[in-house]
Every structure is written in structure tokens, then in C-alpha cells.
């Protein structure tokens, strides 16, 4: 795993798909995942915040897929693309037999995903998509819980929440690919 992958995995473990995270929390988790990658050369027990900040900034860059959004004030979050990349890293990390790998749906987070999945399945947008119709703007706005005043940042947060329902069924994956692009 490279530094960006480790930062994405750390953010996934800390709930960066649901809330903004402080750089310090991400740094500590990165150091837990790969102590040698994010430590000082002379003091290997210390977390090198510069390396963590660089990894997050690299993940934020458009040329790298805009995998994270946010900043120091509002916290750092995974974008839809970042959530997908983090889940791939988590799956490959689990496949390597890493005991620290976190199952994707567990506890309260799993309950929220189940609730969101149920909401999606019962939405007008899903019904329209399933019947082969184009999804109406009002159905899409209702699905995303947005209106004309929703900021681009909030829209990205809402899309990331929907993206957590990927991987449950092929049908839902197809629907989310249509909705999220």
C-alpha cells in the first residue's frame, strides 16, 4: 500500500465517509496501520504529521481522483471515489490476512447502511429506474435529499452516503452507478 491508500484506509476506519475527521486522528490511525511509513526517521515512535498531510493533499488532488474533500476547519471526508478506493484497499488488506481489517458493515454503521438501503429501494427514483423510465429531477432531489440551495460540498457528502450501499446487491450497484455516475 502507498501512503494515499493508507490514509484512505485510516479515514474509512475512523468513519470519514460519515463525518469530517481531524488530521491528528487520521495521523494516529495511519501510524497504527503502518508505523514505519508515517514516522520520523530518527524517532520512529513519533508520527510525522507532514507525511500524513501530504498523503491527504495528494488524495485531494483532481489528478488523483479527488478522493477526499474538506480541510483543517471542517475536517477531512472521503468522497464517493475515495470511499470506493478505501473499500478496495480494505478488501485487499483483509485478503492479506491483516487482523486490523475492519469489516465494512458492523454495529451502528451497519444499521445505518441497512436503513439507507431500504430508503433507496422504496424511493420513487428506484421505481422509475427499475421500470426503465428516466429518473425525474424531483425523484432525484428526493433521493439525494437536496434542493436548489444545496452546496456542491453537501451534495458530495450525500452522494458518499448513498455510495455506502454499493456491494449489497448487483441491482443496487447498477442503480447507484446510474445515479452517482
N, C-alpha and C. Protein backbone atom coordinates (compact mmCIF):
# COMPACT_ATOMS: atom_id res chain seq x y z
N UNK A 1 0.84 -1.19 0.00
CA UNK A 1 0.00 0.00 0.00
C UNK A 1 0.88 1.25 0.00
N UNK A 2 0.46 2.24 -0.76
CA UNK A 2 1.17 3.51 -0.74
C UNK A 2 0.57 4.42 0.34
N UNK A 3 1.15 5.59 0.52
CA UNK A 3 0.70 6.50 1.59
C UNK A 3 -0.74 6.94 1.43
N UNK A 4 -1.16 7.22 0.19
CA UNK A 4 -2.54 7.63 -0.04
C UNK A 4 -3.49 6.49 0.34
N UNK A 5 -3.16 5.27 -0.06
CA UNK A 5 -4.00 4.12 0.29
C UNK A 5 -4.14 3.97 1.80
N UNK A 6 -3.04 4.14 2.50
CA UNK A 6 -3.07 4.01 3.97
C UNK A 6 -3.94 5.12 4.57
N UNK A 7 -3.81 6.33 4.05
CA UNK A 7 -4.63 7.44 4.57
C UNK A 7 -6.12 7.18 4.30
N UNK A 8 -6.45 6.66 3.12
CA UNK A 8 -7.85 6.35 2.81
C UNK A 8 -8.38 5.26 3.73
N UNK A 9 -7.58 4.23 3.97
CA UNK A 9 -7.99 3.15 4.87
C UNK A 9 -8.19 3.69 6.28
N UNK A 10 -7.30 4.54 6.72
CA UNK A 10 -7.43 5.15 8.06
C UNK A 10 -8.72 5.94 8.15
N UNK A 11 -9.02 6.72 7.11
CA UNK A 11 -10.24 7.53 7.11
C UNK A 11 -11.48 6.64 7.11
N UNK A 12 -11.45 5.54 6.38
CA UNK A 12 -12.58 4.61 6.38
C UNK A 12 -12.80 4.03 7.77
N UNK A 13 -11.73 3.61 8.41
CA UNK A 13 -11.84 3.03 9.76
C UNK A 13 -12.37 4.03 10.78
N UNK A 14 -12.05 5.31 10.56
CA UNK A 14 -12.48 6.36 11.51
C UNK A 14 -13.86 6.94 11.18
N UNK A 15 -14.47 6.48 10.08
CA UNK A 15 -15.80 6.97 9.72
C UNK A 15 -15.77 8.20 8.84
N UNK A 16 -14.72 8.37 8.06
CA UNK A 16 -14.59 9.53 7.18
C UNK A 16 -15.59 9.56 6.04
N UNK A 17 -16.37 8.51 5.88
CA UNK A 17 -17.45 8.53 4.90
C UNK A 17 -18.72 9.14 5.51
N UNK A 18 -18.72 9.33 6.83
CA UNK A 18 -19.89 9.85 7.53
C UNK A 18 -19.68 11.23 8.13
N UNK A 19 -18.43 11.58 8.44
CA UNK A 19 -18.18 12.83 9.15
C UNK A 19 -16.79 13.36 8.79
N UNK A 20 -16.59 14.64 9.06
CA UNK A 20 -15.28 15.24 8.87
C UNK A 20 -14.33 14.79 9.97
N UNK A 21 -13.09 14.50 9.60
CA UNK A 21 -12.11 13.98 10.55
C UNK A 21 -10.97 14.98 10.76
N UNK A 22 -10.45 15.03 11.97
CA UNK A 22 -9.29 15.86 12.28
C UNK A 22 -8.03 15.18 11.77
N UNK A 23 -7.11 15.99 11.29
CA UNK A 23 -5.84 15.49 10.77
C UNK A 23 -5.11 14.64 11.82
N UNK A 24 -5.18 15.05 13.07
CA UNK A 24 -4.47 14.33 14.12
C UNK A 24 -5.00 12.91 14.28
N UNK A 25 -6.32 12.75 14.21
CA UNK A 25 -6.91 11.41 14.33
C UNK A 25 -6.49 10.53 13.15
N UNK A 26 -6.50 11.13 11.95
CA UNK A 26 -6.08 10.38 10.77
C UNK A 26 -4.62 9.97 10.91
N UNK A 27 -3.80 10.89 11.41
CA UNK A 27 -2.36 10.62 11.57
C UNK A 27 -2.12 9.45 12.52
N UNK A 28 -2.81 9.44 13.65
CA UNK A 28 -2.64 8.36 14.62
C UNK A 28 -3.06 7.02 14.00
N UNK A 29 -4.17 7.01 13.26
CA UNK A 29 -4.64 5.77 12.64
C UNK A 29 -3.67 5.32 11.54
N UNK A 30 -3.16 6.25 10.76
CA UNK A 30 -2.16 5.91 9.73
C UNK A 30 -0.94 5.26 10.37
N UNK A 31 -0.51 5.82 11.49
CA UNK A 31 0.66 5.28 12.20
C UNK A 31 0.38 3.89 12.75
N UNK A 32 -0.87 3.63 13.17
CA UNK A 32 -1.24 2.28 13.63
C UNK A 32 -1.19 1.28 12.48
N UNK A 33 -1.67 1.70 11.33
CA UNK A 33 -1.72 0.81 10.16
C UNK A 33 -0.31 0.51 9.65
N UNK A 34 0.51 1.54 9.56
CA UNK A 34 1.85 1.37 9.00
C UNK A 34 2.84 2.30 9.72
N UNK A 35 3.33 1.86 10.88
CA UNK A 35 4.19 2.72 11.70
C UNK A 35 5.44 3.23 10.97
N UNK A 36 6.06 2.39 10.17
CA UNK A 36 7.30 2.81 9.51
C UNK A 36 7.04 3.84 8.42
N UNK A 37 5.88 3.78 7.80
CA UNK A 37 5.57 4.68 6.69
C UNK A 37 5.34 6.11 7.16
N UNK A 38 4.79 6.28 8.35
CA UNK A 38 4.41 7.62 8.83
C UNK A 38 5.14 8.03 10.10
N UNK A 39 6.40 7.62 10.23
CA UNK A 39 7.14 8.01 11.43
C UNK A 39 8.39 8.80 11.05
N UNK A 40 8.96 9.45 12.04
CA UNK A 40 10.19 10.18 11.83
C UNK A 40 11.32 9.18 11.66
N UNK A 41 12.33 9.58 10.91
CA UNK A 41 13.47 8.70 10.67
C UNK A 41 14.24 8.46 11.98
N UNK A 42 14.52 9.55 12.72
CA UNK A 42 15.32 9.42 13.95
C UNK A 42 14.50 8.95 15.15
N UNK A 43 13.19 9.23 15.13
CA UNK A 43 12.33 8.88 16.25
C UNK A 43 11.14 8.06 15.72
N UNK A 44 11.34 6.80 15.45
CA UNK A 44 10.31 6.00 14.77
C UNK A 44 9.01 5.83 15.56
N UNK A 45 9.00 6.15 16.84
CA UNK A 45 7.77 6.04 17.62
C UNK A 45 6.89 7.29 17.47
N UNK A 46 7.41 8.34 16.80
CA UNK A 46 6.67 9.59 16.62
C UNK A 46 6.00 9.63 15.24
N UNK A 47 4.78 10.15 15.20
CA UNK A 47 4.04 10.30 13.95
C UNK A 47 4.54 11.54 13.22
N UNK A 48 4.84 11.39 11.94
CA UNK A 48 5.27 12.51 11.11
C UNK A 48 4.04 13.11 10.44
N UNK A 49 3.54 14.21 11.01
CA UNK A 49 2.31 14.86 10.51
C UNK A 49 2.47 15.36 9.09
N UNK A 50 3.67 15.75 8.70
CA UNK A 50 3.89 16.26 7.34
C UNK A 50 3.61 15.17 6.32
N UNK A 51 4.06 13.96 6.60
CA UNK A 51 3.81 12.85 5.67
C UNK A 51 2.32 12.55 5.56
N UNK A 52 1.62 12.62 6.67
CA UNK A 52 0.16 12.39 6.65
C UNK A 52 -0.54 13.50 5.88
N UNK A 53 -0.17 14.74 6.16
CA UNK A 53 -0.78 15.88 5.45
C UNK A 53 -0.52 15.79 3.95
N UNK A 54 0.69 15.39 3.57
CA UNK A 54 1.00 15.24 2.14
C UNK A 54 0.16 14.14 1.50
N UNK A 55 -0.03 13.04 2.21
CA UNK A 55 -0.85 11.94 1.68
C UNK A 55 -2.29 12.41 1.47
N UNK A 56 -2.82 13.15 2.42
CA UNK A 56 -4.21 13.64 2.30
C UNK A 56 -4.31 14.67 1.17
N UNK A 57 -3.33 15.55 1.06
CA UNK A 57 -3.35 16.53 -0.03
C UNK A 57 -3.24 15.84 -1.39
N UNK A 58 -2.42 14.79 -1.47
CA UNK A 58 -2.32 14.02 -2.72
C UNK A 58 -3.66 13.38 -3.05
N UNK A 59 -4.34 12.86 -2.04
CA UNK A 59 -5.65 12.23 -2.26
C UNK A 59 -6.69 13.25 -2.69
N UNK A 60 -6.52 14.49 -2.29
CA UNK A 60 -7.48 15.55 -2.62
C UNK A 60 -7.33 16.04 -4.06
N UNK A 61 -6.15 15.89 -4.63
CA UNK A 61 -5.87 16.41 -5.97
C UNK A 61 -6.76 15.76 -7.02
N UNK A 62 -7.27 16.58 -7.93
CA UNK A 62 -8.12 16.11 -9.02
C UNK A 62 -7.44 15.07 -9.89
N UNK A 63 -6.15 15.22 -10.13
CA UNK A 63 -5.45 14.25 -10.99
C UNK A 63 -5.35 12.88 -10.34
N UNK A 64 -5.55 12.82 -9.04
CA UNK A 64 -5.56 11.54 -8.32
C UNK A 64 -6.97 11.03 -8.07
N UNK A 65 -7.96 11.72 -8.62
CA UNK A 65 -9.33 11.27 -8.49
C UNK A 65 -10.17 11.99 -7.46
N UNK A 66 -9.65 13.05 -6.84
CA UNK A 66 -10.40 13.79 -5.80
C UNK A 66 -11.01 12.82 -4.79
N UNK A 67 -10.15 12.09 -4.11
CA UNK A 67 -10.58 11.02 -3.20
C UNK A 67 -11.04 11.54 -1.84
N UNK A 68 -10.62 12.74 -1.47
CA UNK A 68 -11.06 13.34 -0.21
C UNK A 68 -11.46 14.79 -0.46
N UNK A 69 -12.26 15.30 0.45
CA UNK A 69 -12.66 16.72 0.40
C UNK A 69 -12.54 17.28 1.80
N UNK A 70 -12.66 18.59 1.90
CA UNK A 70 -12.63 19.23 3.21
C UNK A 70 -11.34 19.97 3.45
N UNK A 71 -11.05 20.17 4.72
CA UNK A 71 -9.87 20.90 5.12
C UNK A 71 -9.72 20.88 6.63
N UNK A 72 -8.78 21.68 7.13
CA UNK A 72 -8.49 21.69 8.55
C UNK A 72 -9.69 22.14 9.39
N UNK A 73 -10.44 23.15 8.92
CA UNK A 73 -11.56 23.66 9.72
C UNK A 73 -12.73 22.69 9.78
N UNK A 74 -13.21 22.25 8.62
CA UNK A 74 -14.40 21.41 8.57
C UNK A 74 -14.08 19.92 8.70
N UNK A 75 -12.82 19.56 8.66
CA UNK A 75 -12.42 18.17 8.74
C UNK A 75 -12.30 17.56 7.36
N UNK A 76 -11.69 16.40 7.30
CA UNK A 76 -11.45 15.70 6.05
C UNK A 76 -12.45 14.57 5.90
N UNK A 77 -13.01 14.43 4.68
CA UNK A 77 -14.02 13.40 4.40
C UNK A 77 -13.63 12.63 3.15
N UNK A 78 -14.08 11.40 3.08
CA UNK A 78 -13.95 10.63 1.85
C UNK A 78 -15.03 11.07 0.88
N UNK A 79 -14.68 11.21 -0.40
CA UNK A 79 -15.68 11.46 -1.44
C UNK A 79 -16.21 10.10 -1.89
N UNK A 80 -17.14 10.09 -2.83
CA UNK A 80 -17.65 8.82 -3.37
C UNK A 80 -16.50 7.99 -3.92
N UNK A 81 -15.65 8.64 -4.73
CA UNK A 81 -14.50 7.93 -5.31
C UNK A 81 -13.54 7.48 -4.21
N UNK A 82 -13.37 8.30 -3.18
CA UNK A 82 -12.50 7.94 -2.07
C UNK A 82 -13.03 6.77 -1.26
N UNK A 83 -14.34 6.74 -1.07
CA UNK A 83 -14.96 5.62 -0.35
C UNK A 83 -14.75 4.33 -1.13
N UNK A 84 -14.95 4.37 -2.45
CA UNK A 84 -14.73 3.17 -3.27
C UNK A 84 -13.28 2.72 -3.19
N UNK A 85 -12.36 3.67 -3.31
CA UNK A 85 -10.93 3.32 -3.24
C UNK A 85 -10.58 2.75 -1.86
N UNK A 86 -11.10 3.35 -0.81
CA UNK A 86 -10.83 2.87 0.55
C UNK A 86 -11.40 1.47 0.76
N UNK A 87 -12.58 1.20 0.22
CA UNK A 87 -13.17 -0.13 0.34
C UNK A 87 -12.33 -1.17 -0.40
N UNK A 88 -11.78 -0.78 -1.57
CA UNK A 88 -10.89 -1.70 -2.31
C UNK A 88 -9.64 -1.99 -1.50
N UNK A 89 -9.05 -0.94 -0.92
CA UNK A 89 -7.85 -1.11 -0.10
C UNK A 89 -8.18 -1.99 1.10
N UNK A 90 -9.32 -1.75 1.73
CA UNK A 90 -9.74 -2.54 2.90
C UNK A 90 -9.92 -4.00 2.52
N UNK A 91 -10.54 -4.25 1.36
CA UNK A 91 -10.76 -5.63 0.91
C UNK A 91 -9.42 -6.32 0.63
N UNK A 92 -8.50 -5.63 -0.02
CA UNK A 92 -7.20 -6.24 -0.31
C UNK A 92 -6.40 -6.43 0.97
N UNK A 93 -6.55 -5.50 1.92
CA UNK A 93 -5.88 -5.61 3.21
C UNK A 93 -6.43 -6.80 3.98
N UNK A 94 -7.74 -6.99 3.93
CA UNK A 94 -8.36 -8.14 4.61
C UNK A 94 -7.92 -9.43 3.95
N UNK A 95 -7.82 -9.40 2.62
CA UNK A 95 -7.39 -10.59 1.89
C UNK A 95 -5.97 -10.98 2.24
N UNK A 96 -5.16 -10.02 2.67
CA UNK A 96 -3.78 -10.31 3.04
C UNK A 96 -3.70 -10.88 4.45
N UNK A 97 -4.85 -11.04 5.09
CA UNK A 97 -4.87 -11.63 6.43
C UNK A 97 -4.51 -10.65 7.52
N UNK A 98 -4.70 -9.37 7.28
CA UNK A 98 -4.39 -8.36 8.28
C UNK A 98 -5.44 -8.40 9.39
N UNK A 99 -5.06 -8.66 10.63
CA UNK A 99 -6.04 -8.75 11.72
C UNK A 99 -6.69 -7.42 12.06
N UNK A 100 -6.12 -6.30 11.58
CA UNK A 100 -6.70 -5.00 11.88
C UNK A 100 -7.76 -4.57 10.88
N UNK A 101 -8.01 -5.39 9.86
CA UNK A 101 -9.00 -5.02 8.86
C UNK A 101 -10.38 -4.94 9.50
N UNK A 102 -11.12 -3.94 9.11
CA UNK A 102 -12.43 -3.70 9.70
C UNK A 102 -13.50 -4.19 8.73
N UNK A 103 -14.40 -5.09 9.14
CA UNK A 103 -15.49 -5.46 8.25
C UNK A 103 -16.29 -4.21 7.89
N UNK A 104 -16.78 -4.17 6.67
CA UNK A 104 -17.40 -2.96 6.16
C UNK A 104 -18.66 -2.57 6.93
N UNK A 105 -19.51 -3.53 7.28
CA UNK A 105 -20.76 -3.21 7.96
C UNK A 105 -20.78 -3.91 9.31
N UNK A 106 -20.73 -3.10 10.35
CA UNK A 106 -20.70 -3.65 11.70
C UNK A 106 -21.39 -2.65 12.62
N UNK A 107 -22.13 -3.14 13.58
CA UNK A 107 -22.70 -2.29 14.61
C UNK A 107 -23.65 -1.22 14.09
N UNK A 108 -23.53 -0.04 14.68
CA UNK A 108 -24.43 1.07 14.35
C UNK A 108 -24.28 1.50 12.90
N UNK A 109 -23.06 1.46 12.37
CA UNK A 109 -22.86 1.83 10.97
C UNK A 109 -23.60 0.86 10.05
N UNK A 110 -23.55 -0.41 10.35
CA UNK A 110 -24.28 -1.40 9.56
C UNK A 110 -25.77 -1.15 9.59
N UNK A 111 -26.28 -0.74 10.74
CA UNK A 111 -27.71 -0.43 10.85
C UNK A 111 -28.07 0.76 9.98
N UNK A 112 -27.22 1.79 9.96
CA UNK A 112 -27.48 2.96 9.12
C UNK A 112 -27.46 2.59 7.63
N UNK A 113 -26.56 1.71 7.25
CA UNK A 113 -26.48 1.28 5.85
C UNK A 113 -27.75 0.52 5.48
N UNK A 114 -28.21 -0.33 6.37
CA UNK A 114 -29.45 -1.08 6.11
C UNK A 114 -30.65 -0.14 5.96
N UNK A 115 -30.71 0.89 6.81
CA UNK A 115 -31.80 1.86 6.72
C UNK A 115 -31.73 2.64 5.41
N UNK A 116 -30.53 3.02 5.01
CA UNK A 116 -30.35 3.77 3.77
C UNK A 116 -30.71 2.88 2.57
N UNK A 117 -30.32 1.63 2.62
CA UNK A 117 -30.64 0.68 1.55
C UNK A 117 -32.16 0.55 1.41
N UNK A 118 -32.86 0.41 2.51
CA UNK A 118 -34.31 0.31 2.49
C UNK A 118 -34.94 1.58 1.92
N UNK A 119 -34.41 2.73 2.32
CA UNK A 119 -34.92 4.00 1.81
C UNK A 119 -34.72 4.09 0.30
N UNK A 120 -33.57 3.66 -0.18
CA UNK A 120 -33.29 3.69 -1.62
C UNK A 120 -34.25 2.77 -2.38
N UNK A 121 -34.43 1.56 -1.87
CA UNK A 121 -35.30 0.58 -2.54
C UNK A 121 -36.75 1.07 -2.63
N UNK A 122 -37.18 1.87 -1.67
CA UNK A 122 -38.56 2.36 -1.64
C UNK A 122 -38.73 3.74 -2.27
N UNK A 123 -37.67 4.27 -2.86
CA UNK A 123 -37.72 5.62 -3.42
C UNK A 123 -38.40 5.64 -4.79
N UNK A 124 -38.93 6.81 -5.15
CA UNK A 124 -39.50 6.99 -6.48
C UNK A 124 -38.43 6.84 -7.55
N UNK A 125 -37.22 7.31 -7.26
CA UNK A 125 -36.13 7.21 -8.23
C UNK A 125 -35.83 5.76 -8.56
N UNK A 126 -35.81 4.90 -7.55
CA UNK A 126 -35.54 3.47 -7.79
C UNK A 126 -36.67 2.84 -8.60
N UNK A 127 -37.89 3.18 -8.27
CA UNK A 127 -39.05 2.65 -9.01
C UNK A 127 -39.00 3.08 -10.47
N UNK A 128 -38.68 4.35 -10.71
CA UNK A 128 -38.59 4.85 -12.08
C UNK A 128 -37.47 4.14 -12.83
N UNK A 129 -36.32 3.99 -12.19
CA UNK A 129 -35.18 3.32 -12.82
C UNK A 129 -35.51 1.86 -13.14
N UNK A 130 -36.13 1.19 -12.17
CA UNK A 130 -36.44 -0.24 -12.33
C UNK A 130 -37.44 -0.47 -13.47
N UNK A 131 -38.36 0.49 -13.68
CA UNK A 131 -39.36 0.33 -14.75
C UNK A 131 -38.82 0.82 -16.10
N UNK A 132 -37.56 1.25 -16.13
CA UNK A 132 -36.95 1.67 -17.38
C UNK A 132 -37.17 3.13 -17.75
N UNK A 133 -37.81 3.87 -16.88
CA UNK A 133 -38.05 5.29 -17.14
C UNK A 133 -36.81 6.11 -16.78
N UNK A 134 -36.74 7.32 -17.32
CA UNK A 134 -35.72 8.26 -16.88
C UNK A 134 -36.10 8.72 -15.47
N UNK A 135 -35.09 8.93 -14.64
CA UNK A 135 -35.36 9.38 -13.27
C UNK A 135 -35.65 10.88 -13.32
N UNK A 136 -36.80 11.27 -12.80
CA UNK A 136 -37.19 12.68 -12.81
C UNK A 136 -36.32 13.49 -11.86
N UNK A 137 -36.26 14.78 -12.12
CA UNK A 137 -35.46 15.67 -11.28
C UNK A 137 -36.00 15.68 -9.85
N UNK A 138 -37.32 15.68 -9.70
CA UNK A 138 -37.88 15.70 -8.33
C UNK A 138 -37.58 14.40 -7.59
N UNK A 139 -37.61 13.27 -8.31
CA UNK A 139 -37.28 11.99 -7.68
C UNK A 139 -35.81 11.95 -7.28
N UNK A 140 -34.95 12.51 -8.14
CA UNK A 140 -33.52 12.55 -7.83
C UNK A 140 -33.25 13.46 -6.64
N UNK A 141 -33.91 14.61 -6.60
CA UNK A 141 -33.74 15.54 -5.47
C UNK A 141 -34.22 14.90 -4.17
N UNK A 142 -35.32 14.17 -4.25
CA UNK A 142 -35.84 13.49 -3.07
C UNK A 142 -34.88 12.39 -2.62
N UNK A 143 -34.34 11.65 -3.58
CA UNK A 143 -33.39 10.58 -3.27
C UNK A 143 -32.16 11.13 -2.56
N UNK A 144 -31.63 12.23 -3.09
CA UNK A 144 -30.42 12.82 -2.52
C UNK A 144 -30.71 13.75 -1.35
N UNK A 145 -31.99 14.04 -1.11
CA UNK A 145 -32.40 14.96 -0.05
C UNK A 145 -31.75 16.33 -0.25
N UNK A 146 -31.95 16.87 -1.47
CA UNK A 146 -31.36 18.17 -1.80
C UNK A 146 -32.42 19.10 -2.37
N UNK A 147 -32.06 20.37 -2.47
CA UNK A 147 -32.89 21.37 -3.14
C UNK A 147 -31.97 22.33 -3.89
N UNK A 148 -32.52 23.40 -4.42
CA UNK A 148 -31.75 24.34 -5.24
C UNK A 148 -30.65 25.04 -4.45
N UNK A 149 -30.74 25.05 -3.13
CA UNK A 149 -29.77 25.76 -2.30
C UNK A 149 -28.66 24.86 -1.77
N UNK A 150 -28.66 23.60 -2.12
CA UNK A 150 -27.67 22.66 -1.63
C UNK A 150 -26.30 22.97 -2.24
N UNK A 151 -25.29 23.09 -1.41
CA UNK A 151 -23.93 23.38 -1.90
C UNK A 151 -23.33 22.14 -2.55
N UNK A 152 -22.31 22.35 -3.37
CA UNK A 152 -21.61 21.23 -4.01
C UNK A 152 -20.98 20.31 -2.97
N UNK A 153 -20.47 20.90 -1.91
CA UNK A 153 -19.84 20.09 -0.85
C UNK A 153 -20.87 19.19 -0.16
N UNK A 154 -22.04 19.74 0.16
CA UNK A 154 -23.08 18.94 0.79
C UNK A 154 -23.60 17.87 -0.16
N UNK A 155 -23.70 18.18 -1.44
CA UNK A 155 -24.11 17.20 -2.44
C UNK A 155 -23.14 16.03 -2.47
N UNK A 156 -21.85 16.31 -2.41
CA UNK A 156 -20.84 15.25 -2.40
C UNK A 156 -20.97 14.38 -1.15
N UNK A 157 -21.26 15.00 -0.01
CA UNK A 157 -21.45 14.25 1.23
C UNK A 157 -22.64 13.31 1.09
N UNK A 158 -23.73 13.80 0.52
CA UNK A 158 -24.93 12.98 0.36
C UNK A 158 -24.69 11.84 -0.62
N UNK A 159 -23.93 12.09 -1.67
CA UNK A 159 -23.60 11.02 -2.63
C UNK A 159 -22.73 9.96 -1.97
N UNK A 160 -21.82 10.38 -1.10
CA UNK A 160 -20.97 9.43 -0.39
C UNK A 160 -21.80 8.53 0.51
N UNK A 161 -22.82 9.09 1.14
CA UNK A 161 -23.71 8.28 1.98
C UNK A 161 -24.41 7.21 1.16
N UNK A 162 -24.87 7.61 -0.03
CA UNK A 162 -25.53 6.63 -0.90
C UNK A 162 -24.54 5.55 -1.35
N UNK A 163 -23.33 5.94 -1.62
CA UNK A 163 -22.32 5.00 -2.13
C UNK A 163 -22.01 3.89 -1.14
N UNK A 164 -22.30 4.11 0.14
CA UNK A 164 -22.08 3.05 1.13
C UNK A 164 -22.95 1.83 0.88
N UNK A 165 -24.00 1.99 0.07
CA UNK A 165 -24.90 0.87 -0.22
C UNK A 165 -24.40 0.03 -1.40
N UNK A 166 -23.26 0.38 -1.95
CA UNK A 166 -22.68 -0.43 -3.02
C UNK A 166 -22.20 -1.76 -2.44
N UNK A 167 -22.29 -2.79 -3.27
CA UNK A 167 -21.79 -4.09 -2.87
C UNK A 167 -22.79 -4.94 -2.12
N UNK A 168 -24.02 -4.46 -1.94
CA UNK A 168 -25.03 -5.26 -1.25
C UNK A 168 -25.70 -6.20 -2.25
N UNK A 169 -26.18 -5.64 -3.35
CA UNK A 169 -26.76 -6.45 -4.43
C UNK A 169 -26.30 -5.87 -5.77
N UNK A 170 -26.30 -6.70 -6.80
CA UNK A 170 -25.94 -6.22 -8.14
C UNK A 170 -26.95 -5.19 -8.63
N UNK A 171 -28.22 -5.41 -8.30
CA UNK A 171 -29.26 -4.48 -8.71
C UNK A 171 -29.00 -3.09 -8.12
N UNK A 172 -28.67 -3.03 -6.84
CA UNK A 172 -28.40 -1.75 -6.19
C UNK A 172 -27.14 -1.11 -6.78
N UNK A 173 -26.13 -1.92 -7.08
CA UNK A 173 -24.92 -1.39 -7.71
C UNK A 173 -25.24 -0.74 -9.05
N UNK A 174 -26.07 -1.38 -9.86
CA UNK A 174 -26.46 -0.82 -11.16
C UNK A 174 -27.21 0.49 -10.99
N UNK A 175 -28.13 0.51 -10.03
CA UNK A 175 -28.88 1.73 -9.76
C UNK A 175 -27.96 2.86 -9.31
N UNK A 176 -27.05 2.57 -8.38
CA UNK A 176 -26.15 3.60 -7.87
C UNK A 176 -25.18 4.07 -8.95
N UNK A 177 -24.78 3.18 -9.84
CA UNK A 177 -23.93 3.60 -10.95
C UNK A 177 -24.65 4.61 -11.83
N UNK A 178 -25.95 4.40 -12.02
CA UNK A 178 -26.77 5.34 -12.81
C UNK A 178 -26.90 6.68 -12.08
N UNK A 179 -27.19 6.61 -10.79
CA UNK A 179 -27.45 7.81 -10.00
C UNK A 179 -26.17 8.60 -9.73
N UNK A 180 -25.11 7.91 -9.37
CA UNK A 180 -23.89 8.58 -8.96
C UNK A 180 -22.91 8.80 -10.10
N UNK A 181 -23.17 8.15 -11.21
CA UNK A 181 -22.28 8.33 -12.38
C UNK A 181 -21.08 7.47 -12.36
